[in-house]
Protein backbone atom coordinates (compact mmCIF):
# COMPACT_ATOMS: atom_id res chain seq x y z
CA MET A 1 0.01 -0.02 -0.03
CA VAL A 2 1.23 3.48 -0.94
CA ARG A 3 0.41 6.53 1.18
CA LEU A 4 -0.79 9.68 -0.49
CA ASP A 5 1.91 11.62 1.35
CA ASP A 6 4.55 9.48 -0.42
CA ILE A 7 2.97 10.16 -3.81
CA LEU A 8 2.77 13.98 -3.32
CA VAL A 9 6.34 14.46 -2.11
CA GLY A 10 7.99 17.29 -4.07
CA ARG A 11 4.80 18.25 -5.94
CA PRO A 12 3.15 21.67 -5.79
CA PRO A 13 0.70 22.39 -2.96
CA LEU A 14 -2.53 20.53 -3.06
CA ASN A 15 -5.58 22.94 -3.14
CA PHE A 16 -8.41 20.43 -3.23
CA LEU A 17 -8.82 16.77 -2.43
CA LYS A 18 -11.83 14.57 -3.24
CA VAL A 19 -11.82 11.27 -1.42
CA GLU A 20 -14.35 8.68 -2.71
CA THR A 21 -13.02 5.25 -1.75
CA ASP A 22 -16.12 3.25 -0.78
CA GLY A 23 -15.49 3.23 2.97
CA PHE A 24 -11.70 3.68 3.11
CA ASP A 25 -11.88 7.48 3.07
CA PHE A 26 -10.43 8.07 6.58
CA GLU A 27 -7.62 5.57 6.02
CA VAL A 28 -6.67 7.49 2.87
CA LEU A 29 -6.68 10.73 4.94
CA HIS A 30 -4.47 9.21 7.65
CA GLY A 31 -2.01 8.42 4.84
CA ALA A 32 -2.12 12.07 3.75
CA GLU A 33 -1.65 13.71 7.10
CA GLN A 34 1.61 15.48 6.20
CA THR A 35 0.01 16.83 3.05
CA LEU A 36 -3.17 17.93 4.86
CA ARG A 37 -1.14 19.73 7.61
CA ARG A 38 1.29 21.34 5.09
CA ASP A 39 -1.12 22.38 2.26
CA ARG A 40 -4.45 22.61 4.18
CA PRO A 41 -6.56 21.80 1.06
CA ALA A 42 -10.32 21.93 0.97
CA MET A 43 -11.78 18.42 0.62
CA THR A 44 -14.88 16.38 0.10
CA ILE A 45 -15.40 12.97 1.58
CA GLU A 46 -18.17 10.68 0.39
CA SER A 47 -20.26 8.87 3.01
CA MET A 48 -23.09 6.40 2.90
CA PRO A 49 -25.03 4.89 5.73
CA GLY A 50 -23.13 1.72 6.78
CA PHE A 51 -20.07 2.68 4.66
CA HIS A 52 -17.69 2.85 7.57
CA GLY A 53 -17.06 0.35 10.30
CA GLU A 54 -18.47 0.83 13.86
CA GLY A 55 -16.90 3.97 15.26
CA GLU A 56 -14.67 4.58 12.18
CA ALA A 57 -16.68 7.53 10.88
CA ILE A 58 -16.91 9.47 14.09
CA ASN A 59 -13.23 8.74 14.86
CA GLY A 60 -12.39 9.93 11.34
CA LEU A 61 -14.19 13.28 11.84
CA ARG A 62 -12.52 13.75 15.20
CA TYR A 63 -9.21 12.93 13.61
CA LEU A 64 -9.83 15.68 10.95
CA GLN A 65 -10.65 18.13 13.75
CA SER A 66 -7.41 17.20 15.57
CA ILE A 67 -5.46 18.28 12.43
CA GLY A 68 -7.34 21.60 11.97
CA TYR A 69 -10.37 20.70 9.93
CA GLY A 70 -13.17 21.89 12.26
CA ARG A 71 -16.27 22.70 10.25
CA PHE A 72 -18.29 20.14 8.21
CA HIS A 73 -20.70 20.95 5.51
CA LEU A 74 -22.93 18.05 4.53
CA LEU A 75 -24.20 18.03 0.96
CA ASP A 76 -26.94 15.85 -0.56
CA PRO A 77 -26.46 14.14 -3.87
CA ALA A 78 -27.93 17.25 -5.64
CA GLY A 79 -25.24 19.46 -4.05
CA HIS A 80 -27.44 21.22 -1.46
CA CYS A 81 -26.03 21.81 1.93
CA PHE A 82 -28.34 20.40 4.53
CA LEU A 83 -26.10 20.84 7.55
CA SER A 84 -23.10 23.04 8.55
CA THR A 85 -21.63 22.16 11.95
CA ASP A 86 -18.57 22.30 14.07
CA ASP A 87 -19.72 19.29 16.00
CA ALA A 88 -18.30 15.92 14.77
CA ASN A 89 -21.12 14.02 16.61
CA GLU A 90 -23.86 16.08 14.90
CA ALA A 91 -22.22 15.61 11.46
CA HIS A 92 -21.87 11.90 12.05
CA ALA A 93 -25.47 11.52 13.19
CA ASN A 94 -26.77 13.42 10.13
CA PHE A 95 -24.68 11.75 7.41
CA ASP A 96 -25.33 8.33 8.77
CA GLN A 97 -29.08 8.75 8.99
CA HIS A 98 -29.91 11.79 6.81
CA VAL A 99 -33.16 11.97 4.87
CA TYR A 100 -31.63 12.45 1.40
CA GLY A 101 -31.19 8.69 0.69
CA THR A 102 -28.13 7.21 -0.89
CA TYR A 103 -25.11 9.20 0.17
CA CYS A 104 -23.78 12.60 1.10
CA ASP A 105 -20.50 14.45 0.61
CA ILE A 106 -18.78 16.15 3.53
CA LEU A 107 -17.03 19.36 2.52
CA THR A 108 -14.50 20.64 4.92
CA CYS A 109 -11.61 23.22 4.96
CA ALA A 110 -8.82 23.72 7.37
CA ALA A 111 -9.62 26.50 9.97
CA GLY A 112 -8.21 29.79 8.90
CA SER A 113 -7.14 28.65 5.43
CA PRO A 114 -7.78 30.60 2.22
CA ALA A 115 -10.27 27.95 1.22
CA GLU A 116 -12.32 28.41 4.43
CA LYS A 117 -12.31 32.20 3.80
CA ARG A 118 -13.54 31.72 0.31
CA LEU A 119 -16.20 29.25 1.41
CA GLY A 120 -17.35 31.68 4.11
CA THR A 121 -17.92 34.41 1.65
CA HIS A 122 -19.94 32.14 -0.70
CA LEU A 123 -22.12 30.19 1.74
CA VAL A 124 -25.25 32.13 2.66
CA LEU A 125 -28.03 30.23 4.45
CA ARG A 126 -31.52 31.74 4.20
CA LYS A 127 -34.42 30.55 6.28
CA GLY A 128 -36.12 27.73 4.35
CA GLU A 129 -33.65 27.69 1.51
CA LEU A 130 -30.74 25.38 0.88
CA PRO A 131 -27.64 26.79 -0.87
CA ALA A 132 -26.57 25.11 -4.07
CA VAL A 133 -23.02 24.08 -5.11
CA ALA A 134 -21.84 24.72 -8.63
CA THR A 135 -19.17 22.54 -10.32
CA SER A 136 -16.56 24.11 -12.53
CA GLY A 137 -18.60 23.09 -15.53
CA GLY A 138 -21.54 25.11 -14.32
CA ARG A 139 -23.69 22.03 -13.34
CA ARG A 140 -25.06 21.69 -9.92
CA GLY A 141 -23.35 19.02 -7.92
CA PRO A 142 -21.47 18.10 -4.75
CA LEU A 143 -18.17 19.55 -5.83
CA GLY A 144 -16.99 23.12 -6.17
CA TRP A 145 -17.66 26.29 -4.25
CA PHE A 146 -20.98 27.34 -2.97
CA ARG A 147 -22.71 29.64 -5.38
CA ARG A 148 -23.32 33.19 -4.05
CA ARG A 149 -27.08 33.66 -3.27
CA GLY A 150 -28.92 36.89 -3.77
């Protein structure tokens, strides 16, 4: 097995990381700890109910918080944010039993990073309205930056 840190040695800084490994997401992130601490990229992690072993998901979220990723934005398959929280327990409870069905993506940025600042200026929650996410191709989906509302 090769760690992501070993692959990324000597490469330019990583700005964004999408982890979609069918239940091995947090193992991949453990193997990228040096990169995550050094580059502090924004990232999405896919999750499905039952995807992760008992305790693995909550421990993975707590691990991310321990290395500086403190806020979690949960996105449904259409790219709508249905929860933003600093609480790993709340994030875990919602992505493991959310009402949107098949899976959700967890978007997170390192605290104080340029990515977090950009995200903060684009995410606007209005009462009764879910923000959308736009992909680089202009389609709505779970990747990209939150589209400015209003």
